[in-house]
Amino acid sequence: MLPSLYSGISGLKVNQQKLNIVANNIANSSTTGFKTQAMNFEDMMSQTMSDPSAPVNNGIGGVNGRQSGLGVKIAGISTDFSAGSDQSTGRSLDFVINTGGNYFVASPDGSTNYYTRDGAFQLDKDGNLLTQDGYHIMGYGMTATKNGKADTTTSTTPKKQLSIAQYYKSDGTPDASPAAADVDKEKVTSWSVGPTGIINVKTANDSYDVGCVALASFQNEGGLVKDGGNLYQVSPNSGDATYGTPGSSGYGSLTQGALEMSNVDLAQQFTDMIIASRAFSANGKIISTDDEILQELVNLKRS
């Protein structure tokens, strides 16, 4: 069988996969915090028809080996983790991390952590700060209930599921179910999250710092595994997460009322789509040509 037939098949496979990646990039061009992927090719093993030889003293010179390639395969699929542009939304529950390589920490149950660049959050009836899919945004408590600092001394891993209660007692602790006769309570009139991730609530009489958003970074973010829903998981090659607070050394500050857009370059994606499409067609032509040659060989036998 013609080796070029198998080379053409391998070319069809890898260029189809490249088209899949380009299509996914284009489909997610408006996805918050999405990171563009790209695919690299490498040649497969080669058939050696003759080995190279060294020059012979006072004789014939050296001869290069003769090798014929046997196709192409995927070398790797990489992700461009550069930060996308910021888009102002004016929504108080939207947040941007102003440095690439940092991630919000989200957890479905407070024990298993996932990581995301998507800062479009929401609140539930209990005031929990959540992702759009209901995952808790993790952070730190405060060393003091009023105008304190983020309590990162007990553990480097964020354990607090952040929430904003509707009522707070006069000592700054949340009052989840205040009674009508409970005079030791203050209703929240407004709240905000500052550049350093501190959640501050204001009442008619005072203000309280009630928690701090946590951020995570990784030795090799390219090793993170996509889990859908704009979430990533750690892998053996990403390394464990290192946690900190916004604005501290190595971690970007937060901007409220904005979201990070996708970093997809549509012009580049359309160019890649054309190249992959043409390469796919060319490899298909190789298979068609091989089919014609084989047919000619069959006809020679019949004649």
C-alpha atoms as a PDB file:
ATOM      1  CA  MET A   1       0.000   0.000   0.000  1.00  0.00           C
ATOM      2  CA  LEU A   2       1.219   3.519  -0.755  1.00  0.00           C
ATOM      3  CA  PRO A   3       2.818   5.168   2.343  1.00  0.00           C
ATOM      4  CA  SER A   4       1.509   8.544   1.155  1.00  0.00           C
ATOM      5  CA  LEU A   5      -2.027   7.235   1.743  1.00  0.00           C
ATOM      6  CA  TYR A   6      -1.340   6.954   5.456  1.00  0.00           C
ATOM      7  CA  SER A   7       0.458  10.313   5.494  1.00  0.00           C
ATOM      8  CA  GLY A   8      -2.646  11.891   3.974  1.00  0.00           C
ATOM      9  CA  ILE A   9      -4.877  10.222   6.570  1.00  0.00           C
ATOM     10  CA  SER A  10      -2.691  11.546   9.410  1.00  0.00           C
ATOM     11  CA  GLY A  11      -2.871  15.021   7.860  1.00  0.00           C
ATOM     12  CA  LEU A  12      -6.672  14.824   7.736  1.00  0.00           C
ATOM     13  CA  LYS A  13      -6.829  13.838  11.418  1.00  0.00           C
ATOM     14  CA  VAL A  14      -4.571  16.574  12.790  1.00  0.00           C
ATOM     15  CA  ASN A  15      -6.071  19.346  10.659  1.00  0.00           C
ATOM     16  CA  GLN A  16      -9.562  18.270  11.687  1.00  0.00           C
ATOM     17  CA  GLN A  17      -8.457  18.593  15.309  1.00  0.00           C
ATOM     18  CA  LYS A  18      -6.977  22.018  14.575  1.00  0.00           C
ATOM     19  CA  LEU A  19     -10.313  23.085  13.072  1.00  0.00           C
ATOM     20  CA  ASN A  20     -12.014  21.838  16.257  1.00  0.00           C
ATOM     21  CA  ILE A  21      -9.750  24.031  18.394  1.00  0.00           C
ATOM     22  CA  VAL A  22     -10.244  27.070  16.155  1.00  0.00           C
ATOM     23  CA  ALA A  23     -14.020  26.529  16.234  1.00  0.00           C
ATOM     24  CA  ASN A  24     -13.955  26.334  20.039  1.00  0.00           C
ATOM     25  CA  ASN A  25     -11.913  29.549  20.255  1.00  0.00           C
ATOM     26  CA  ILE A  26     -14.360  31.392  18.005  1.00  0.00           C
ATOM     27  CA  ALA A  27     -17.371  30.000  19.871  1.00  0.00           C
ATOM     28  CA  ASN A  28     -15.912  31.316  23.153  1.00  0.00           C
ATOM     29  CA  SER A  29     -14.873  34.723  21.842  1.00  0.00           C
ATOM     30  CA  SER A  30     -17.435  36.315  24.178  1.00  0.00           C
ATOM     31  CA  THR A  31     -16.881  33.966  27.145  1.00  0.00           C
ATOM     32  CA  THR A  32     -15.734  35.790  30.281  1.00  0.00           C
ATOM     33  CA  GLY A  33     -12.078  35.081  31.044  1.00  0.00           C
ATOM     34  CA  PHE A  34     -11.695  32.507  28.251  1.00  0.00           C
ATOM     35  CA  LYS A  35      -8.118  31.705  27.173  1.00  0.00           C
ATOM     36  CA  THR A  36      -7.221  30.934  23.564  1.00  0.00           C
ATOM     37  CA  GLN A  37      -5.827  27.513  22.667  1.00  0.00           C
ATOM     38  CA  ALA A  38      -3.443  26.637  19.846  1.00  0.00           C
ATOM     39  CA  MET A  39      -2.149  23.349  18.427  1.00  0.00           C
ATOM     40  CA  ASN A  40       1.350  22.452  17.262  1.00  0.00           C
ATOM     41  CA  PHE A  41       2.283  19.670  14.841  1.00  0.00           C
ATOM     42  CA  GLU A  42       5.322  17.390  14.644  1.00  0.00           C
ATOM     43  CA  ASP A  43       6.397  14.776  12.129  1.00  0.00           C
ATOM     44  CA  MET A  44       5.945  11.086  12.832  1.00  0.00           C
ATOM     45  CA  MET A  45       8.598   8.394  12.437  1.00  0.00           C
ATOM     46  CA  SER A  46      10.470   8.175   9.157  1.00  0.00           C
ATOM     47  CA  GLN A  47      11.248   5.189   6.976  1.00  0.00           C
ATOM     48  CA  THR A  48      15.030   4.798   6.570  1.00  0.00           C
ATOM     49  CA  MET A  49      15.921   3.648   3.061  1.00  0.00           C
ATOM     50  CA  SER A  50      19.691   3.901   3.572  1.00  0.00           C
ATOM     51  CA  ASP A  51      21.900   4.776   6.514  1.00  0.00           C
ATOM     52  CA  PRO A  52      24.405   7.636   6.476  1.00  0.00           C
ATOM     53  CA  SER A  53      28.085   6.790   6.120  1.00  0.00           C
ATOM     54  CA  ALA A  54      31.252   8.627   7.135  1.00  0.00           C
ATOM     55  CA  PRO A  55      34.006   9.619   4.692  1.00  0.00           C
ATOM     56  CA  VAL A  56      36.656   6.992   4.019  1.00  0.00           C
ATOM     57  CA  ASN A  57      40.295   8.058   4.357  1.00  0.00           C
ATOM     58  CA  ASN A  58      41.742   8.681   0.908  1.00  0.00           C
ATOM     59  CA  GLY A  59      38.544   7.318  -0.558  1.00  0.00           C
ATOM     60  CA  ILE A  60      34.906   8.070  -1.150  1.00  0.00           C
ATOM     61  CA  GLY A  61      33.293  10.913   0.777  1.00  0.00           C
ATOM     62  CA  GLY A  62      30.494  10.685   3.307  1.00  0.00           C
ATOM     63  CA  VAL A  63      26.955   9.943   2.218  1.00  0.00           C
ATOM     64  CA  ASN A  64      23.824  11.267   3.881  1.00  0.00           C
ATOM     65  CA  GLY A  65      21.097   8.904   4.931  1.00  0.00           C
ATOM     66  CA  ARG A  66      17.862   8.651   2.981  1.00  0.00           C
ATOM     67  CA  GLN A  67      14.658   8.929   4.978  1.00  0.00           C
ATOM     68  CA  SER A  68      11.042   9.309   3.981  1.00  0.00           C
ATOM     69  CA  GLY A  69       8.515  10.778   6.398  1.00  0.00           C
ATOM     70  CA  LEU A  70       5.401   8.793   7.293  1.00  0.00           C
ATOM     71  CA  GLY A  71       2.992  11.491   8.380  1.00  0.00           C
ATOM     72  CA  VAL A  72       2.199  14.070  11.049  1.00  0.00           C
ATOM     73  CA  LYS A  73       0.889  14.032  14.609  1.00  0.00           C
ATOM     74  CA  ILE A  74      -0.123  16.491  17.322  1.00  0.00           C
ATOM     75  CA  ALA A  75       2.880  17.797  19.269  1.00  0.00           C
ATOM     76  CA  GLY A  76       0.838  19.641  21.868  1.00  0.00           C
ATOM     77  CA  ILE A  77      -2.135  21.879  22.594  1.00  0.00           C
ATOM     78  CA  SER A  78      -1.142  25.048  24.427  1.00  0.00           C
ATOM     79  CA  THR A  79      -3.176  27.775  26.097  1.00  0.00           C
ATOM     80  CA  ASP A  80      -2.486  31.511  25.948  1.00  0.00           C
ATOM     81  CA  PHE A  81      -2.990  32.645  29.549  1.00  0.00           C
ATOM     82  CA  SER A  82      -2.412  36.354  28.872  1.00  0.00           C
ATOM     83  CA  ALA A  83      -5.052  38.588  30.444  1.00  0.00           C
ATOM     84  CA  GLY A  84      -7.987  39.697  28.319  1.00  0.00           C
ATOM     85  CA  SER A  85      -9.154  43.294  28.155  1.00  0.00           C
ATOM     86  CA  ASP A  86     -11.418  44.710  30.866  1.00  0.00           C
ATOM     87  CA  GLN A  87     -15.028  45.508  30.097  1.00  0.00           C
ATOM     88  CA  SER A  88     -16.942  47.850  32.404  1.00  0.00           C
ATOM     89  CA  THR A  89     -20.353  46.504  33.420  1.00  0.00           C
ATOM     90  CA  GLY A  90     -21.330  48.745  36.333  1.00  0.00           C
ATOM     91  CA  ARG A  91     -22.606  45.665  38.178  1.00  0.00           C
ATOM     92  CA  SER A  92     -21.505  45.481  41.809  1.00  0.00           C
ATOM     93  CA  LEU A  93     -21.057  41.691  41.689  1.00  0.00           C
ATOM     94  CA  ASP A  94     -18.646  41.736  38.726  1.00  0.00           C
ATOM     95  CA  PHE A  95     -14.892  41.677  39.402  1.00  0.00           C
ATOM     96  CA  VAL A  96     -11.630  41.736  37.443  1.00  0.00           C
ATOM     97  CA  ILE A  97      -8.239  40.538  38.685  1.00  0.00           C
ATOM     98  CA  ASN A  98      -5.793  43.143  37.395  1.00  0.00           C
ATOM     99  CA  THR A  99      -2.905  40.707  36.903  1.00  0.00           C
ATOM    100  CA  GLY A 100      -2.626  37.578  34.772  1.00  0.00           C
ATOM    101  CA  GLY A 101      -1.823  34.271  36.438  1.00  0.00           C
ATOM    102  CA  ASN A 102      -4.148  34.813  39.430  1.00  0.00           C
ATOM    103  CA  TYR A 103      -7.450  33.026  39.969  1.00  0.00           C
ATOM    104  CA  PHE A 104     -10.519  33.251  42.165  1.00  0.00           C
ATOM    105  CA  VAL A 105     -11.049  30.190  44.356  1.00  0.00           C
ATOM    106  CA  ALA A 106     -14.447  28.491  43.995  1.00  0.00           C
ATOM    107  CA  SER A 107     -15.763  25.438  45.823  1.00  0.00           C
ATOM    108  CA  PRO A 108     -19.050  23.510  45.672  1.00  0.00           C
ATOM    109  CA  ASP A 109     -18.764  22.319  49.271  1.00  0.00           C
ATOM    110  CA  GLY A 110     -15.998  24.295  50.981  1.00  0.00           C
ATOM    111  CA  SER A 111     -13.477  21.434  50.760  1.00  0.00           C
ATOM    112  CA  THR A 112     -12.688  20.857  47.065  1.00  0.00           C
ATOM    113  CA  ASN A 113     -11.280  23.920  45.327  1.00  0.00           C
ATOM    114  CA  TYR A 114     -11.579  24.965  41.688  1.00  0.00           C
ATOM    115  CA  TYR A 115     -10.100  28.066  40.069  1.00  0.00           C
ATOM    116  CA  THR A 116     -11.532  30.658  37.694  1.00  0.00           C
ATOM    117  CA  ARG A 117     -10.857  34.011  36.034  1.00  0.00           C
ATOM    118  CA  ASP A 118     -14.611  34.578  35.659  1.00  0.00           C
ATOM    119  CA  GLY A 119     -15.537  37.263  38.193  1.00  0.00           C
ATOM    120  CA  ALA A 120     -19.286  37.372  37.426  1.00  0.00           C
ATOM    121  CA  PHE A 121     -20.688  36.504  40.850  1.00  0.00           C
ATOM    122  CA  GLN A 122     -24.122  36.377  42.454  1.00  0.00           C
ATOM    123  CA  LEU A 123     -25.724  36.214  45.902  1.00  0.00           C
ATOM    124  CA  ASP A 124     -28.246  33.680  47.195  1.00  0.00           C
ATOM    125  CA  LYS A 125     -30.944  34.179  49.839  1.00  0.00           C
ATOM    126  CA  ASP A 126     -28.400  33.599  52.615  1.00  0.00           C
ATOM    127  CA  GLY A 127     -26.046  36.234  51.212  1.00  0.00           C
ATOM    128  CA  ASN A 128     -23.433  33.690  50.019  1.00  0.00           C
ATOM    129  CA  LEU A 129     -21.103  34.978  47.301  1.00  0.00           C
ATOM    130  CA  LEU A 130     -21.316  32.463  44.447  1.00  0.00           C
ATOM    131  CA  THR A 131     -20.310  31.796  40.856  1.00  0.00           C
ATOM    132  CA  GLN A 132     -23.067  31.670  38.240  1.00  0.00           C
ATOM    133  CA  ASP A 133     -23.212  27.878  38.774  1.00  0.00           C
ATOM    134  CA  GLY A 134     -23.589  28.159  42.540  1.00  0.00           C
ATOM    135  CA  TYR A 135     -19.983  27.476  43.614  1.00  0.00           C
ATOM    136  CA  HIS A 136     -18.938  29.299  46.798  1.00  0.00           C
ATOM    137  CA  ILE A 137     -16.268  31.988  46.468  1.00  0.00           C
ATOM    138  CA  MET A 138     -13.624  31.207  49.052  1.00  0.00           C
ATOM    139  CA  GLY A 139     -11.668  33.654  51.157  1.00  0.00           C
ATOM    140  CA  TYR A 140     -10.501  34.550  54.631  1.00  0.00           C
ATOM    141  CA  GLY A 141     -12.138  35.783  57.810  1.00  0.00           C
ATOM    142  CA  MET A 142     -10.966  38.903  59.571  1.00  0.00           C
ATOM    143  CA  THR A 143      -8.686  39.084  62.630  1.00  0.00           C
ATOM    144  CA  ALA A 144     -11.016  41.743  64.005  1.00  0.00           C
ATOM    145  CA  THR A 145     -14.660  42.127  63.058  1.00  0.00           C
ATOM    146  CA  LYS A 146     -14.392  45.861  62.547  1.00  0.00           C
ATOM    147  CA  ASN A 147     -11.811  47.306  60.144  1.00  0.00           C
ATOM    148  CA  GLY A 148      -9.528  44.314  60.635  1.00  0.00           C
ATOM    149  CA  LYS A 149      -7.048  42.515  58.394  1.00  0.00           C
ATOM    150  CA  ALA A 150      -7.494  39.295  56.462  1.00  0.00           C
ATOM    151  CA  ASP A 151      -6.811  36.336  58.753  1.00  0.00           C
ATOM    152  CA  THR A 152      -4.306  34.252  56.801  1.00  0.00           C
ATOM    153  CA  THR A 153      -2.334  33.194  59.877  1.00  0.00           C
ATOM    154  CA  THR A 154      -4.197  29.988  60.718  1.00  0.00           C
ATOM    155  CA  SER A 155      -3.893  28.399  57.265  1.00  0.00           C
ATOM    156  CA  THR A 156      -2.540  29.301  53.867  1.00  0.00           C
ATOM    157  CA  THR A 157      -5.612  27.658  52.324  1.00  0.00           C
ATOM    158  CA  PRO A 158      -8.769  29.826  52.264  1.00  0.00           C
ATOM    159  CA  LYS A 159     -11.492  28.163  54.320  1.00  0.00           C
ATOM    160  CA  LYS A 160     -14.172  30.799  54.599  1.00  0.00           C
ATOM    161  CA  GLN A 161     -17.199  30.711  52.301  1.00  0.00           C
ATOM    162  CA  LEU A 162     -17.735  34.437  51.806  1.00  0.00           C
ATOM    163  CA  SER A 163     -21.162  35.891  52.503  1.00  0.00           C
ATOM    164  CA  ILE A 164     -22.866  39.232  53.029  1.00  0.00           C
ATOM    165  CA  ALA A 165     -25.654  39.035  55.585  1.00  0.00           C
ATOM    166  CA  GLN A 166     -28.633  41.408  55.589  1.00  0.00           C
ATOM    167  CA  TYR A 167     -28.232  42.197  59.295  1.00  0.00           C
ATOM    168  CA  TYR A 168     -25.230  42.506  61.601  1.00  0.00           C
ATOM    169  CA  LYS A 169     -25.019  42.736  65.360  1.00  0.00           C
ATOM    170  CA  SER A 170     -23.383  45.738  66.936  1.00  0.00           C
ATOM    171  CA  ASP A 171     -20.154  43.739  67.373  1.00  0.00           C
ATOM    172  CA  GLY A 172     -19.951  43.175  63.630  1.00  0.00           C
ATOM    173  CA  THR A 173     -20.971  39.509  63.581  1.00  0.00           C
ATOM    174  CA  PRO A 174     -23.676  38.456  61.083  1.00  0.00           C
ATOM    175  CA  ASP A 175     -27.221  37.988  62.320  1.00  0.00           C
ATOM    176  CA  ALA A 176     -28.675  35.473  59.899  1.00  0.00           C
ATOM    177  CA  SER A 177     -32.191  35.333  61.411  1.00  0.00           C
ATOM    178  CA  PRO A 178     -32.872  38.464  63.455  1.00  0.00           C
ATOM    179  CA  ALA A 179     -35.978  38.492  65.592  1.00  0.00           C
ATOM    180  CA  ALA A 180     -38.370  41.430  65.473  1.00  0.00           C
ATOM    181  CA  ALA A 181     -37.625  42.199  69.124  1.00  0.00           C
ATOM    182  CA  ASP A 182     -33.870  41.998  68.652  1.00  0.00           C
ATOM    183  CA  VAL A 183     -32.684  45.578  69.084  1.00  0.00           C
ATOM    184  CA  ASP A 184     -29.017  44.611  68.892  1.00  0.00           C
ATOM    185  CA  LYS A 185     -29.016  44.492  65.100  1.00  0.00           C
ATOM    186  CA  GLU A 186     -28.200  46.803  62.197  1.00  0.00           C
ATOM    187  CA  LYS A 187     -29.509  46.437  58.634  1.00  0.00           C
ATOM    188  CA  VAL A 188     -26.969  46.615  55.834  1.00  0.00           C
ATOM    189  CA  THR A 189     -27.522  49.669  53.657  1.00  0.00           C
ATOM    190  CA  SER A 190     -24.650  49.068  51.191  1.00  0.00           C
ATOM    191  CA  TRP A 191     -21.536  46.978  50.671  1.00  0.00           C
ATOM    192  CA  SER A 192     -18.402  47.004  48.522  1.00  0.00           C
ATOM    193  CA  VAL A 193     -15.294  44.978  47.692  1.00  0.00           C
ATOM    194  CA  GLY A 194     -12.124  47.046  47.554  1.00  0.00           C
ATOM    195  CA  PRO A 195      -8.946  46.563  45.460  1.00  0.00           C
ATOM    196  CA  THR A 196      -7.441  44.449  48.258  1.00  0.00           C
ATOM    197  CA  GLY A 197     -10.434  42.083  48.290  1.00  0.00           C
ATOM    198  CA  ILE A 198     -11.822  43.302  51.633  1.00  0.00           C
ATOM    199  CA  ILE A 199     -15.623  43.016  51.809  1.00  0.00           C
ATOM    200  CA  ASN A 200     -16.998  46.018  53.680  1.00  0.00           C
ATOM    201  CA  VAL A 201     -20.636  46.382  54.740  1.00  0.00           C
ATOM    202  CA  LYS A 202     -22.198  49.642  55.877  1.00  0.00           C
ATOM    203  CA  THR A 203     -25.116  50.124  58.193  1.00  0.00           C
ATOM    204  CA  ALA A 204     -26.856  53.290  59.288  1.00  0.00           C
ATOM    205  CA  ASN A 205     -24.462  53.604  62.231  1.00  0.00           C
ATOM    206  CA  ASP A 206     -21.214  51.902  61.296  1.00  0.00           C
ATOM    207  CA  SER A 207     -19.231  49.835  58.799  1.00  0.00           C
ATOM    208  CA  TYR A 208     -17.617  46.410  59.141  1.00  0.00           C
ATOM    209  CA  ASP A 209     -15.012  44.391  57.261  1.00  0.00           C
ATOM    210  CA  VAL A 210     -16.564  40.923  57.097  1.00  0.00           C
ATOM    211  CA  GLY A 211     -14.196  38.922  54.879  1.00  0.00           C
ATOM    212  CA  CYS A 212     -11.515  38.963  52.214  1.00  0.00           C
ATOM    213  CA  VAL A 213     -11.493  37.367  48.764  1.00  0.00           C
ATOM    214  CA  ALA A 214      -8.708  34.818  48.212  1.00  0.00           C
ATOM    215  CA  LEU A 215      -6.612  34.476  45.062  1.00  0.00           C
ATOM    216  CA  ALA A 216      -4.536  31.534  43.839  1.00  0.00           C
ATOM    217  CA  SER A 217      -1.470  31.251  41.600  1.00  0.00           C
ATOM    218  CA  PHE A 218       0.447  28.288  40.175  1.00  0.00           C
ATOM    219  CA  GLN A 219       4.011  27.400  39.282  1.00  0.00           C
ATOM    220  CA  ASN A 220       2.795  26.161  35.877  1.00  0.00           C
ATOM    221  CA  GLU A 221      -0.671  27.387  34.987  1.00  0.00           C
ATOM    222  CA  GLY A 222      -0.327  25.686  31.611  1.00  0.00           C
ATOM    223  CA  GLY A 223      -0.731  22.411  33.506  1.00  0.00           C
ATOM    224  CA  LEU A 224      -4.210  23.327  34.775  1.00  0.00           C
ATOM    225  CA  VAL A 225      -7.052  21.116  33.551  1.00  0.00           C
ATOM    226  CA  LYS A 226     -10.222  22.692  32.167  1.00  0.00           C
ATOM    227  CA  ASP A 227     -13.313  21.409  33.952  1.00  0.00           C
ATOM    228  CA  GLY A 228     -16.051  23.346  32.112  1.00  0.00           C
ATOM    229  CA  GLY A 229     -18.057  26.217  33.545  1.00  0.00           C
ATOM    230  CA  ASN A 230     -14.979  28.503  33.286  1.00  0.00           C
ATOM    231  CA  LEU A 231     -13.327  26.391  36.014  1.00  0.00           C
ATOM    232  CA  TYR A 232      -9.866  24.854  36.229  1.00  0.00           C
ATOM    233  CA  GLN A 233      -8.501  22.027  38.384  1.00  0.00           C
ATOM    234  CA  VAL A 234      -4.945  21.380  39.497  1.00  0.00           C
ATOM    235  CA  SER A 235      -2.982  18.561  37.870  1.00  0.00           C
ATOM    236  CA  PRO A 236       0.304  16.827  38.715  1.00  0.00           C
ATOM    237  CA  ASN A 237       2.044  19.196  36.281  1.00  0.00           C
ATOM    238  CA  SER A 238       0.452  22.463  37.427  1.00  0.00           C
ATOM    239  CA  GLY A 239       1.773  22.224  40.966  1.00  0.00           C
ATOM    240  CA  ASP A 240      -0.295  23.006  44.034  1.00  0.00           C
ATOM    241  CA  ALA A 241      -2.031  26.348  44.374  1.00  0.00           C
ATOM    242  CA  THR A 242      -0.322  29.131  46.298  1.00  0.00           C
ATOM    243  CA  TYR A 243      -2.863  31.385  48.001  1.00  0.00           C
ATOM    244  CA  GLY A 244      -2.828  35.052  48.887  1.00  0.00           C
ATOM    245  CA  THR A 245      -4.929  38.200  49.022  1.00  0.00           C
ATOM    246  CA  PRO A 246      -5.503  40.801  46.269  1.00  0.00           C
ATOM    247  CA  GLY A 247      -2.880  43.523  46.164  1.00  0.00           C
ATOM    248  CA  SER A 248      -0.325  41.555  48.188  1.00  0.00           C
ATOM    249  CA  SER A 249       3.058  40.583  46.742  1.00  0.00           C
ATOM    250  CA  GLY A 250       2.583  38.517  43.587  1.00  0.00           C
ATOM    251  CA  TYR A 251      -1.192  39.012  43.428  1.00  0.00           C
ATOM    252  CA  GLY A 252      -3.178  41.547  41.427  1.00  0.00           C
ATOM    253  CA  SER A 253      -5.713  43.936  42.870  1.00  0.00           C
ATOM    254  CA  LEU A 254      -9.445  43.737  42.143  1.00  0.00           C
ATOM    255  CA  THR A 255     -11.663  46.102  40.182  1.00  0.00           C
ATOM    256  CA  GLN A 256     -15.362  46.052  41.006  1.00  0.00           C
ATOM    257  CA  GLY A 257     -17.949  46.636  38.289  1.00  0.00           C
ATOM    258  CA  ALA A 258     -15.991  45.095  35.405  1.00  0.00           C
ATOM    259  CA  LEU A 259     -15.254  41.715  33.809  1.00  0.00           C
ATOM    260  CA  GLU A 260     -12.276  40.234  31.974  1.00  0.00           C
ATOM    261  CA  MET A 261     -13.111  39.530  28.358  1.00  0.00           C
ATOM    262  CA  SER A 262     -11.874  36.581  26.288  1.00  0.00           C
ATOM    263  CA  ASN A 263      -8.371  36.985  24.843  1.00  0.00           C
ATOM    264  CA  VAL A 264      -9.420  35.420  21.512  1.00  0.00           C
ATOM    265  CA  ASP A 265      -8.057  37.312  18.467  1.00  0.00           C
ATOM    266  CA  LEU A 266     -10.721  36.692  15.816  1.00  0.00           C
ATOM    267  CA  ALA A 267      -8.484  37.821  12.944  1.00  0.00           C
ATOM    268  CA  GLN A 268      -5.879  35.225  13.952  1.00  0.00           C
ATOM    269  CA  GLN A 269      -8.545  32.544  14.342  1.00  0.00           C
ATOM    270  CA  PHE A 270      -9.983  33.199  10.873  1.00  0.00           C
ATOM    271  CA  THR A 271      -6.460  32.963   9.429  1.00  0.00           C
ATOM    272  CA  ASP A 272      -5.829  29.675  11.239  1.00  0.00           C
ATOM    273  CA  MET A 273      -9.187  28.386  10.031  1.00  0.00           C
ATOM    274  CA  ILE A 274      -8.288  29.092   6.393  1.00  0.00           C
ATOM    275  CA  ILE A 275      -4.869  27.443   6.756  1.00  0.00           C
ATOM    276  CA  ALA A 276      -6.326  24.332   8.432  1.00  0.00           C
ATOM    277  CA  SER A 277      -9.114  24.120   5.871  1.00  0.00           C
ATOM    278  CA  ARG A 278      -6.706  24.325   2.939  1.00  0.00           C
ATOM    279  CA  ALA A 279      -4.367  21.797   4.531  1.00  0.00           C
ATOM    280  CA  PHE A 280      -7.303  19.444   5.110  1.00  0.00           C
ATOM    281  CA  SER A 281      -8.317  19.748   1.451  1.00  0.00           C
ATOM    282  CA  ALA A 282      -4.736  19.175   0.276  1.00  0.00           C
ATOM    283  CA  ASN A 283      -4.435  15.998   2.339  1.00  0.00           C
ATOM    284  CA  GLY A 284      -7.751  14.828   0.968  1.00  0.00           C
ATOM    285  CA  LYS A 285      -6.362  15.385  -2.536  1.00  0.00           C
ATOM    286  CA  ILE A 286      -3.386  13.166  -1.684  1.00  0.00           C
ATOM    287  CA  ILE A 287      -5.764  10.335  -0.775  1.00  0.00           C
ATOM    288  CA  SER A 288      -7.752  10.862  -3.976  1.00  0.00           C
ATOM    289  CA  THR A 289      -4.554  10.785  -6.046  1.00  0.00           C
ATOM    290  CA  ASP A 290      -3.385   7.602  -4.310  1.00  0.00           C
ATOM    291  CA  ASP A 291      -6.765   6.058  -5.054  1.00  0.00           C
ATOM    292  CA  GLU A 292      -6.330   6.867  -8.760  1.00  0.00           C
ATOM    293  CA  ILE A 293      -2.841   5.334  -8.760  1.00  0.00           C
ATOM    294  CA  LEU A 294      -4.123   2.155  -7.118  1.00  0.00           C
ATOM    295  CA  GLN A 295      -6.892   1.978  -9.666  1.00  0.00           C
ATOM    296  CA  GLU A 296      -4.326   2.260 -12.451  1.00  0.00           C
ATOM    297  CA  LEU A 297      -2.377  -0.620 -10.924  1.00  0.00           C
ATOM    298  CA  VAL A 298      -5.534  -2.743 -10.827  1.00  0.00           C
ATOM    299  CA  ASN A 299      -6.199  -1.927 -14.455  1.00  0.00           C
ATOM    300  CA  LEU A 300      -2.658  -2.972 -15.411  1.00  0.00           C
ATOM    301  CA  LYS A 301      -3.270  -6.366 -13.806  1.00  0.00           C
ATOM    302  CA  ARG A 302      -6.503  -6.816 -15.740  1.00  0.00           C
ATOM    303  CA  SER A 303      -4.861  -5.924 -19.024  1.00  0.00           C
END
